[in-house]
Protein backbone atom coordinates (compact mmCIF):
# COMPACT_ATOMS: atom_id res chain seq x y z
CA MET A 1 -179.81 -86.29 95.00
CA VAL A 2 -182.19 -89.02 96.16
CA ILE A 3 -183.48 -92.14 94.42
CA VAL A 4 -187.16 -91.80 93.55
CA ASN A 5 -187.74 -95.01 91.57
CA ILE A 6 -185.83 -98.13 90.50
CA ASN A 7 -187.02 -100.70 87.98
CA ALA A 8 -184.84 -103.79 87.53
CA ASN A 9 -185.25 -106.67 85.11
CA PHE A 10 -183.25 -109.76 85.99
CA CYS A 11 -182.60 -111.68 82.78
CA CYS A 12 -180.57 -114.64 84.08
CA PRO A 13 -178.58 -115.53 87.20
CA ASP A 14 -174.85 -115.05 87.57
CA THR A 15 -173.65 -118.34 89.02
CA SER A 16 -169.94 -117.48 88.85
CA SER A 17 -168.15 -117.20 92.18
CA THR A 18 -165.44 -114.79 90.99
CA LYS A 19 -165.77 -111.09 91.75
CA LYS A 20 -164.59 -110.13 88.26
CA SER A 21 -167.32 -112.09 86.49
CA ILE A 22 -169.64 -109.13 85.81
CA GLN A 23 -169.37 -105.49 84.78
CA VAL A 24 -171.90 -102.70 85.19
CA GLU A 25 -172.47 -100.16 82.42
CA THR A 26 -174.12 -96.93 83.55
CA GLY A 27 -175.37 -94.00 81.51
CA VAL A 28 -177.56 -90.96 82.01
CA VAL A 29 -180.56 -91.07 79.66
CA SER A 30 -182.04 -87.62 80.27
CA ILE A 31 -182.09 -84.72 82.68
CA GLY A 32 -185.14 -82.63 83.51
CA GLU A 33 -185.43 -79.61 85.79
CA LYS A 34 -185.56 -81.60 89.05
CA SER A 35 -184.86 -85.21 88.05
CA LEU A 36 -182.65 -87.40 85.92
CA MET A 37 -182.94 -90.91 84.52
CA ILE A 38 -180.09 -93.42 84.60
CA GLU A 39 -179.93 -96.78 82.83
CA GLN A 40 -177.65 -99.60 83.92
CA ARG A 41 -176.81 -102.95 82.39
CA VAL A 42 -175.04 -105.80 84.16
CA ARG A 43 -173.07 -108.06 81.77
CA ALA A 44 -171.00 -111.22 82.11
CA VAL A 45 -167.40 -110.23 81.36
CA LYS A 46 -166.51 -113.43 79.47
CA THR A 47 -169.64 -113.81 77.33
CA GLY A 48 -171.15 -110.32 77.21
CA GLN A 49 -174.49 -111.84 78.22
CA VAL A 50 -176.83 -109.31 79.83
CA LYS A 51 -177.72 -110.43 83.36
CA CYS A 52 -179.83 -107.45 84.45
CA THR A 53 -181.08 -104.09 83.21
CA CYS A 54 -182.10 -101.26 85.47
CA ARG A 55 -183.66 -97.81 85.09
CA THR A 56 -183.34 -95.39 88.01
CA ILE A 57 -184.92 -91.97 88.49
CA MET A 58 -183.15 -89.60 90.85
CA SER A 59 -184.28 -86.18 92.05
CA GLY A 60 -182.58 -83.09 93.38
CA PHE A 61 -183.45 -82.85 97.05
CA ASP A 62 -182.94 -80.36 99.89
CA ILE A 63 -182.66 -82.26 103.16
CA ARG A 64 -183.17 -79.06 105.18
CA THR A 65 -186.58 -78.29 103.68
CA ASN A 66 -187.50 -81.88 102.77
CA THR A 67 -188.45 -80.78 99.24
CA SER A 68 -187.35 -81.48 95.69
CA VAL A 69 -185.10 -78.85 94.13
CA PRO A 70 -183.76 -78.19 90.63
CA ILE A 71 -180.60 -80.04 89.63
CA SER A 72 -177.75 -77.55 89.68
CA GLU A 73 -176.19 -76.33 86.45
CA GLU A 74 -172.84 -77.63 87.74
CA TRP A 75 -174.20 -81.21 88.05
CA ILE A 76 -175.86 -81.02 84.63
CA GLU A 77 -172.62 -79.86 83.00
CA LYS A 78 -170.67 -82.67 84.66
CA PHE A 79 -173.15 -85.32 83.52
CA GLU A 80 -173.15 -83.93 79.96
CA ARG A 81 -169.36 -83.81 79.90
CA TYR A 82 -169.14 -87.41 81.14
CA GLU A 83 -171.69 -88.62 78.55
CA GLY A 84 -170.19 -86.47 75.79
CA ARG A 85 -173.61 -85.24 74.66
CA PRO A 86 -176.47 -82.95 75.70
CA LEU A 87 -178.93 -84.54 78.12
CA ARG A 88 -181.46 -81.85 78.94
CA ARG A 89 -185.03 -82.38 77.85
CA ALA A 90 -186.30 -79.81 75.39
CA THR A 91 -188.70 -77.40 77.06
CA PRO A 92 -191.95 -76.59 75.23
CA SER A 93 -192.18 -73.13 73.67
């Protein structure tokens, strides 16, 4: 897997100096044949205030051929099991 695109929106700074001041929530939004989309949210632990949101697109990649490849069924099943729901995009008929 390689990162293809990242979009981050910084909502407000985290001025706390403690390492336990923020938490990162990560979830897979959807999975296509060769790519998947992940959303992340950074929150202040004490207040729940959102500090940053991020959307990342990752692609299956073969380093030997330098080309994109389909995401393996094994990876898809693991992501779906972790999320507790189906993630594959519906394919047109």
